[in-house]
Amino acid sequence: MDKIKNKKNILDLSPSILKWIAFLGFSLAVVGVDQLAKLYVLQYLRLGQNIVFIEGYVNWTYVLNPGAAFGFLGNTSLEFREIFFIIVPLFASIFILLILKWVDPKDLKQILALSSIFGGATGNFIDRVRFNHVIDFIDIHFNNRWSWPAFNIADVAIIGGVAGLLVILYQESKLNQGPQTPDELTQDKLTQDKLSSKLLNKNSTKESVE
């Protein structure tokens, strides 16, 4: 009987608590995958070593990035980076948690997008605390003619999460607009008729002048 009660208690968790569990679970999964990949790079690749993964397109290249994603702010002073890359991720994480507080527990897409950003930011933050750099290793190029700055799984999670949020916001804005009312349709029709009449008058005037 006690076991049955415990199972019911787990199932009876409020949607709000389940939302936070889902958020933390996916965030930890992102951090875990990111850190395991970086651990592999540290153990099996030398700094600057280049291994072909997909010929002509993708290499594994061990790079230490002092800046943000894709090398952004990498050329700034060490003092600036130490302050900036400690304070900004902390404020960003707090901001994400505040947003999550107001997210509908049923909105799984938004929860996963926020989890992806939070997990990616945490993965790179761990690197900065440990090494004062971020470990990058994914090198995308096109037959060595064009190359994108090296990045890592945490960067992919952050960019993917931000892109997901933008798509969600766009979809919600479309839904909030809703279908046009009969009055709005009538107004649009009148506007189109006015424009058409103006064009006809302009053309007729032009023909008479000629």
C-alpha atoms as a PDB file:
ATOM      1  CA  MET A   1       0.000   0.000   0.000  1.00  0.00           C
ATOM      2  CA  ASP A   2       2.853   2.405   0.845  1.00  0.00           C
ATOM      3  CA  LYS A   3       4.434   1.798  -2.552  1.00  0.00           C
ATOM      4  CA  ILE A   4       1.156   2.552  -4.318  1.00  0.00           C
ATOM      5  CA  LYS A   5       0.764   5.766  -2.292  1.00  0.00           C
ATOM      6  CA  ASN A   6       4.302   6.851  -3.195  1.00  0.00           C
ATOM      7  CA  LYS A   7       3.604   6.288  -6.885  1.00  0.00           C
ATOM      8  CA  LYS A   8       0.429   8.339  -6.647  1.00  0.00           C
ATOM      9  CA  ASN A   9       2.326  11.135  -4.891  1.00  0.00           C
ATOM     10  CA  ILE A  10       4.844  11.262  -7.739  1.00  0.00           C
ATOM     11  CA  LEU A  11       2.095  11.335 -10.343  1.00  0.00           C
ATOM     12  CA  ASP A  12       0.217  13.997  -8.375  1.00  0.00           C
ATOM     13  CA  LEU A  13       3.038  16.562  -8.693  1.00  0.00           C
ATOM     14  CA  SER A  14       1.738  19.947  -9.756  1.00  0.00           C
ATOM     15  CA  PRO A  15       2.269  21.005 -13.393  1.00  0.00           C
ATOM     16  CA  SER A  16       4.512  23.829 -12.158  1.00  0.00           C
ATOM     17  CA  ILE A  17       6.888  21.365 -10.444  1.00  0.00           C
ATOM     18  CA  LEU A  18       6.890  19.086 -13.505  1.00  0.00           C
ATOM     19  CA  LYS A  19       7.810  22.126 -15.612  1.00  0.00           C
ATOM     20  CA  TRP A  20      10.898  22.762 -13.480  1.00  0.00           C
ATOM     21  CA  ILE A  21      11.831  19.073 -13.510  1.00  0.00           C
ATOM     22  CA  ALA A  22      11.626  19.017 -17.316  1.00  0.00           C
ATOM     23  CA  PHE A  23      13.669  22.216 -17.526  1.00  0.00           C
ATOM     24  CA  LEU A  24      16.411  20.981 -15.214  1.00  0.00           C
ATOM     25  CA  GLY A  25      16.454  17.520 -16.784  1.00  0.00           C
ATOM     26  CA  PHE A  26      16.969  18.796 -20.320  1.00  0.00           C
ATOM     27  CA  SER A  27      19.461  21.442 -19.163  1.00  0.00           C
ATOM     28  CA  LEU A  28      21.536  18.778 -17.402  1.00  0.00           C
ATOM     29  CA  ALA A  29      21.380  16.599 -20.518  1.00  0.00           C
ATOM     30  CA  VAL A  30      22.775  19.463 -22.628  1.00  0.00           C
ATOM     31  CA  VAL A  31      25.535  20.143 -20.080  1.00  0.00           C
ATOM     32  CA  GLY A  32      26.371  16.432 -19.869  1.00  0.00           C
ATOM     33  CA  VAL A  33      26.675  15.927 -23.637  1.00  0.00           C
ATOM     34  CA  ASP A  34      28.688  19.136 -24.010  1.00  0.00           C
ATOM     35  CA  GLN A  35      31.136  18.301 -21.211  1.00  0.00           C
ATOM     36  CA  LEU A  36      31.582  14.685 -22.350  1.00  0.00           C
ATOM     37  CA  ALA A  37      32.420  15.861 -25.875  1.00  0.00           C
ATOM     38  CA  LYS A  38      34.946  18.357 -24.495  1.00  0.00           C
ATOM     39  CA  LEU A  39      36.445  15.679 -22.239  1.00  0.00           C
ATOM     40  CA  TYR A  40      36.972  13.498 -25.313  1.00  0.00           C
ATOM     41  CA  VAL A  41      38.691  16.394 -27.092  1.00  0.00           C
ATOM     42  CA  LEU A  42      40.975  17.033 -24.104  1.00  0.00           C
ATOM     43  CA  GLN A  43      41.977  13.376 -23.871  1.00  0.00           C
ATOM     44  CA  TYR A  44      42.434  12.452 -27.525  1.00  0.00           C
ATOM     45  CA  LEU A  45      43.290  15.649 -29.420  1.00  0.00           C
ATOM     46  CA  ARG A  46      46.274  17.955 -29.132  1.00  0.00           C
ATOM     47  CA  LEU A  47      45.744  21.710 -29.151  1.00  0.00           C
ATOM     48  CA  GLY A  48      45.441  22.755 -32.793  1.00  0.00           C
ATOM     49  CA  GLN A  49      45.150  19.166 -34.013  1.00  0.00           C
ATOM     50  CA  ASN A  50      42.839  18.718 -36.988  1.00  0.00           C
ATOM     51  CA  ILE A  51      40.911  15.481 -37.722  1.00  0.00           C
ATOM     52  CA  VAL A  52      38.724  15.108 -40.800  1.00  0.00           C
ATOM     53  CA  PHE A  53      35.167  14.089 -39.927  1.00  0.00           C
ATOM     54  CA  ILE A  54      33.349  14.773 -43.220  1.00  0.00           C
ATOM     55  CA  GLU A  55      35.795  15.296 -46.077  1.00  0.00           C
ATOM     56  CA  GLY A  56      35.648  18.851 -47.377  1.00  0.00           C
ATOM     57  CA  TYR A  57      33.011  20.013 -44.880  1.00  0.00           C
ATOM     58  CA  VAL A  58      33.556  19.168 -41.195  1.00  0.00           C
ATOM     59  CA  ASN A  59      36.723  18.695 -39.119  1.00  0.00           C
ATOM     60  CA  TRP A  60      37.339  18.163 -35.431  1.00  0.00           C
ATOM     61  CA  THR A  61      39.826  20.883 -34.454  1.00  0.00           C
ATOM     62  CA  TYR A  62      40.865  21.478 -30.848  1.00  0.00           C
ATOM     63  CA  VAL A  63      40.783  25.243 -30.239  1.00  0.00           C
ATOM     64  CA  LEU A  64      40.818  27.337 -27.065  1.00  0.00           C
ATOM     65  CA  ASN A  65      38.403  30.239 -27.464  1.00  0.00           C
ATOM     66  CA  PRO A  66      38.934  33.196 -25.083  1.00  0.00           C
ATOM     67  CA  GLY A  67      35.779  34.931 -26.371  1.00  0.00           C
ATOM     68  CA  ALA A  68      32.106  34.112 -26.706  1.00  0.00           C
ATOM     69  CA  ALA A  69      30.418  31.917 -29.320  1.00  0.00           C
ATOM     70  CA  PHE A  70      32.296  31.816 -32.644  1.00  0.00           C
ATOM     71  CA  GLY A  71      35.178  33.828 -31.174  1.00  0.00           C
ATOM     72  CA  PHE A  72      33.157  36.964 -30.414  1.00  0.00           C
ATOM     73  CA  LEU A  73      35.113  39.377 -28.131  1.00  0.00           C
ATOM     74  CA  GLY A  74      38.097  37.060 -28.285  1.00  0.00           C
ATOM     75  CA  ASN A  75      40.509  39.948 -28.912  1.00  0.00           C
ATOM     76  CA  THR A  76      39.478  41.999 -25.877  1.00  0.00           C
ATOM     77  CA  SER A  77      41.668  42.319 -22.774  1.00  0.00           C
ATOM     78  CA  LEU A  78      41.896  39.476 -20.254  1.00  0.00           C
ATOM     79  CA  GLU A  79      40.584  41.672 -17.419  1.00  0.00           C
ATOM     80  CA  PHE A  80      37.497  42.615 -19.439  1.00  0.00           C
ATOM     81  CA  ARG A  81      36.789  39.006 -20.415  1.00  0.00           C
ATOM     82  CA  GLU A  82      37.157  37.736 -16.850  1.00  0.00           C
ATOM     83  CA  ILE A  83      34.527  40.195 -15.612  1.00  0.00           C
ATOM     84  CA  PHE A  84      32.238  40.137 -18.655  1.00  0.00           C
ATOM     85  CA  PHE A  85      32.030  36.349 -19.064  1.00  0.00           C
ATOM     86  CA  ILE A  86      31.328  35.786 -15.385  1.00  0.00           C
ATOM     87  CA  ILE A  87      28.726  38.491 -14.809  1.00  0.00           C
ATOM     88  CA  VAL A  88      26.790  38.252 -18.107  1.00  0.00           C
ATOM     89  CA  PRO A  89      26.092  34.480 -17.956  1.00  0.00           C
ATOM     90  CA  LEU A  90      24.895  34.845 -14.348  1.00  0.00           C
ATOM     91  CA  PHE A  91      22.465  37.635 -15.234  1.00  0.00           C
ATOM     92  CA  ALA A  92      21.349  35.741 -18.362  1.00  0.00           C
ATOM     93  CA  SER A  93      20.670  32.610 -16.295  1.00  0.00           C
ATOM     94  CA  ILE A  94      18.625  34.580 -13.753  1.00  0.00           C
ATOM     95  CA  PHE A  95      16.686  36.182 -16.608  1.00  0.00           C
ATOM     96  CA  ILE A  96      15.921  32.758 -18.134  1.00  0.00           C
ATOM     97  CA  LEU A  97      14.685  31.446 -14.782  1.00  0.00           C
ATOM     98  CA  LEU A  98      12.418  34.487 -14.396  1.00  0.00           C
ATOM     99  CA  ILE A  99      10.967  33.905 -17.858  1.00  0.00           C
ATOM    100  CA  LEU A 100      10.432  30.215 -17.093  1.00  0.00           C
ATOM    101  CA  LYS A 101       8.466  31.142 -13.975  1.00  0.00           C
ATOM    102  CA  TRP A 102       5.715  32.612 -16.182  1.00  0.00           C
ATOM    103  CA  VAL A 103       5.803  29.965 -18.921  1.00  0.00           C
ATOM    104  CA  ASP A 104       2.725  27.756 -19.206  1.00  0.00           C
ATOM    105  CA  PRO A 105       3.655  24.235 -17.927  1.00  0.00           C
ATOM    106  CA  LYS A 106       1.980  22.812 -21.046  1.00  0.00           C
ATOM    107  CA  ASP A 107       4.211  24.861 -23.362  1.00  0.00           C
ATOM    108  CA  LEU A 108       6.849  22.164 -23.804  1.00  0.00           C
ATOM    109  CA  LYS A 109       8.448  23.844 -26.828  1.00  0.00           C
ATOM    110  CA  GLN A 110       9.250  27.008 -24.896  1.00  0.00           C
ATOM    111  CA  ILE A 111      10.472  25.018 -21.888  1.00  0.00           C
ATOM    112  CA  LEU A 112      12.856  23.009 -24.087  1.00  0.00           C
ATOM    113  CA  ALA A 113      14.091  26.168 -25.854  1.00  0.00           C
ATOM    114  CA  LEU A 114      14.870  27.868 -22.537  1.00  0.00           C
ATOM    115  CA  SER A 115      16.476  24.658 -21.245  1.00  0.00           C
ATOM    116  CA  SER A 116      18.692  24.507 -24.320  1.00  0.00           C
ATOM    117  CA  ILE A 117      19.923  28.082 -23.812  1.00  0.00           C
ATOM    118  CA  PHE A 118      20.429  27.569 -20.071  1.00  0.00           C
ATOM    119  CA  GLY A 119      22.267  24.266 -20.547  1.00  0.00           C
ATOM    120  CA  GLY A 120      24.515  25.660 -23.271  1.00  0.00           C
ATOM    121  CA  ALA A 121      25.371  28.752 -21.228  1.00  0.00           C
ATOM    122  CA  THR A 122      26.145  26.557 -18.220  1.00  0.00           C
ATOM    123  CA  GLY A 123      28.397  24.283 -20.292  1.00  0.00           C
ATOM    124  CA  ASN A 124      30.510  27.197 -21.511  1.00  0.00           C
ATOM    125  CA  PHE A 125      30.471  28.799 -18.051  1.00  0.00           C
ATOM    126  CA  ILE A 126      32.022  25.615 -16.613  1.00  0.00           C
ATOM    127  CA  ASP A 127      34.841  25.904 -19.157  1.00  0.00           C
ATOM    128  CA  ARG A 128      35.535  29.501 -18.182  1.00  0.00           C
ATOM    129  CA  VAL A 129      35.694  28.657 -14.498  1.00  0.00           C
ATOM    130  CA  ARG A 130      38.012  25.689 -15.143  1.00  0.00           C
ATOM    131  CA  PHE A 131      40.253  26.957 -17.952  1.00  0.00           C
ATOM    132  CA  ASN A 132      39.494  30.677 -18.407  1.00  0.00           C
ATOM    133  CA  HIS A 133      38.727  29.644 -22.010  1.00  0.00           C
ATOM    134  CA  VAL A 134      36.033  27.724 -23.853  1.00  0.00           C
ATOM    135  CA  ILE A 135      36.921  24.495 -25.644  1.00  0.00           C
ATOM    136  CA  ASP A 136      35.786  24.573 -29.283  1.00  0.00           C
ATOM    137  CA  PHE A 137      36.212  21.713 -31.721  1.00  0.00           C
ATOM    138  CA  ILE A 138      33.562  21.725 -34.474  1.00  0.00           C
ATOM    139  CA  ASP A 139      35.147  23.220 -37.589  1.00  0.00           C
ATOM    140  CA  ILE A 140      32.779  23.690 -40.542  1.00  0.00           C
ATOM    141  CA  HIS A 141      34.255  24.695 -43.896  1.00  0.00           C
ATOM    142  CA  PHE A 142      33.775  24.281 -47.644  1.00  0.00           C
ATOM    143  CA  ASN A 143      36.763  22.616 -49.291  1.00  0.00           C
ATOM    144  CA  ASN A 144      39.062  24.816 -47.192  1.00  0.00           C
ATOM    145  CA  ARG A 145      37.931  27.880 -49.197  1.00  0.00           C
ATOM    146  CA  TRP A 146      35.374  29.116 -46.688  1.00  0.00           C
ATOM    147  CA  SER A 147      35.472  28.403 -42.961  1.00  0.00           C
ATOM    148  CA  TRP A 148      33.191  29.237 -40.045  1.00  0.00           C
ATOM    149  CA  PRO A 149      34.789  29.959 -36.637  1.00  0.00           C
ATOM    150  CA  ALA A 150      35.061  26.801 -34.531  1.00  0.00           C
ATOM    151  CA  PHE A 151      32.316  26.173 -32.000  1.00  0.00           C
ATOM    152  CA  ASN A 152      31.040  23.492 -29.625  1.00  0.00           C
ATOM    153  CA  ILE A 153      27.862  21.670 -28.602  1.00  0.00           C
ATOM    154  CA  ALA A 154      27.003  24.327 -26.002  1.00  0.00           C
ATOM    155  CA  ASP A 155      27.044  26.981 -28.748  1.00  0.00           C
ATOM    156  CA  VAL A 156      24.725  24.829 -30.874  1.00  0.00           C
ATOM    157  CA  ALA A 157      22.330  24.488 -27.925  1.00  0.00           C
ATOM    158  CA  ILE A 158      22.306  28.248 -27.294  1.00  0.00           C
ATOM    159  CA  ILE A 159      21.753  29.198 -30.951  1.00  0.00           C
ATOM    160  CA  GLY A 160      19.145  26.459 -31.357  1.00  0.00           C
ATOM    161  CA  GLY A 161      17.296  27.605 -28.241  1.00  0.00           C
ATOM    162  CA  VAL A 162      17.275  31.248 -29.325  1.00  0.00           C
ATOM    163  CA  ALA A 163      16.067  30.278 -32.813  1.00  0.00           C
ATOM    164  CA  GLY A 164      13.331  28.160 -31.251  1.00  0.00           C
ATOM    165  CA  LEU A 165      12.160  31.057 -29.085  1.00  0.00           C
ATOM    166  CA  LEU A 166      12.037  33.385 -32.091  1.00  0.00           C
ATOM    167  CA  VAL A 167       9.912  30.880 -34.013  1.00  0.00           C
ATOM    168  CA  ILE A 168       7.580  30.481 -31.020  1.00  0.00           C
ATOM    169  CA  LEU A 169       7.218  34.265 -30.630  1.00  0.00           C
ATOM    170  CA  TYR A 170       6.482  34.623 -34.342  1.00  0.00           C
ATOM    171  CA  GLN A 171       3.840  31.895 -34.224  1.00  0.00           C
ATOM    172  CA  GLU A 172       2.228  33.440 -31.135  1.00  0.00           C
ATOM    173  CA  SER A 173       2.139  36.889 -32.752  1.00  0.00           C
ATOM    174  CA  LYS A 174       0.352  35.382 -35.755  1.00  0.00           C
ATOM    175  CA  LEU A 175      -2.176  33.660 -33.510  1.00  0.00           C
ATOM    176  CA  ASN A 176      -2.788  36.844 -31.502  1.00  0.00           C
ATOM    177  CA  GLN A 177      -3.573  38.741 -34.669  1.00  0.00           C
ATOM    178  CA  GLY A 178      -6.421  36.338 -35.403  1.00  0.00           C
ATOM    179  CA  PRO A 179      -8.664  36.407 -38.491  1.00  0.00           C
ATOM    180  CA  GLN A 180      -9.911  39.724 -39.816  1.00  0.00           C
ATOM    181  CA  THR A 181     -13.349  40.893 -38.713  1.00  0.00           C
ATOM    182  CA  PRO A 182     -16.027  41.751 -41.336  1.00  0.00           C
ATOM    183  CA  ASP A 183     -15.400  45.457 -40.692  1.00  0.00           C
ATOM    184  CA  GLU A 184     -11.658  45.043 -41.290  1.00  0.00           C
ATOM    185  CA  LEU A 185     -12.312  43.118 -44.504  1.00  0.00           C
ATOM    186  CA  THR A 186     -14.670  45.855 -45.698  1.00  0.00           C
ATOM    187  CA  GLN A 187     -12.092  48.534 -44.885  1.00  0.00           C
ATOM    188  CA  ASP A 188      -9.395  46.640 -46.787  1.00  0.00           C
ATOM    189  CA  LYS A 189     -11.730  46.288 -49.779  1.00  0.00           C
ATOM    190  CA  LEU A 190     -12.463  50.036 -49.751  1.00  0.00           C
ATOM    191  CA  THR A 191      -8.746  50.827 -49.578  1.00  0.00           C
ATOM    192  CA  GLN A 192      -8.021  48.536 -52.525  1.00  0.00           C
ATOM    193  CA  ASP A 193     -10.868  50.116 -54.521  1.00  0.00           C
ATOM    194  CA  LYS A 194      -9.486  53.624 -53.824  1.00  0.00           C
ATOM    195  CA  LEU A 195      -6.011  52.578 -54.948  1.00  0.00           C
ATOM    196  CA  SER A 196      -7.423  50.998 -58.096  1.00  0.00           C
ATOM    197  CA  SER A 197      -9.460  54.112 -58.936  1.00  0.00           C
ATOM    198  CA  LYS A 198      -6.403  56.327 -58.423  1.00  0.00           C
ATOM    199  CA  LEU A 199      -4.358  54.164 -60.771  1.00  0.00           C
ATOM    200  CA  LEU A 200      -7.127  54.255 -63.395  1.00  0.00           C
ATOM    201  CA  ASN A 201      -7.414  58.043 -63.130  1.00  0.00           C
ATOM    202  CA  LYS A 202      -3.669  58.419 -63.427  1.00  0.00           C
ATOM    203  CA  ASN A 203      -3.547  56.208 -66.519  1.00  0.00           C
ATOM    204  CA  SER A 204      -6.479  58.005 -68.167  1.00  0.00           C
ATOM    205  CA  THR A 205      -4.862  61.396 -67.489  1.00  0.00           C
ATOM    206  CA  LYS A 206      -1.623  60.195 -68.967  1.00  0.00           C
ATOM    207  CA  GLU A 207      -3.385  58.922 -72.108  1.00  0.00           C
ATOM    208  CA  SER A 208      -5.258  62.216 -72.587  1.00  0.00           C
ATOM    209  CA  VAL A 209      -2.022  64.199 -72.340  1.00  0.00           C
ATOM    210  CA  GLU A 210      -0.419  61.995 -74.939  1.00  0.00           C
END
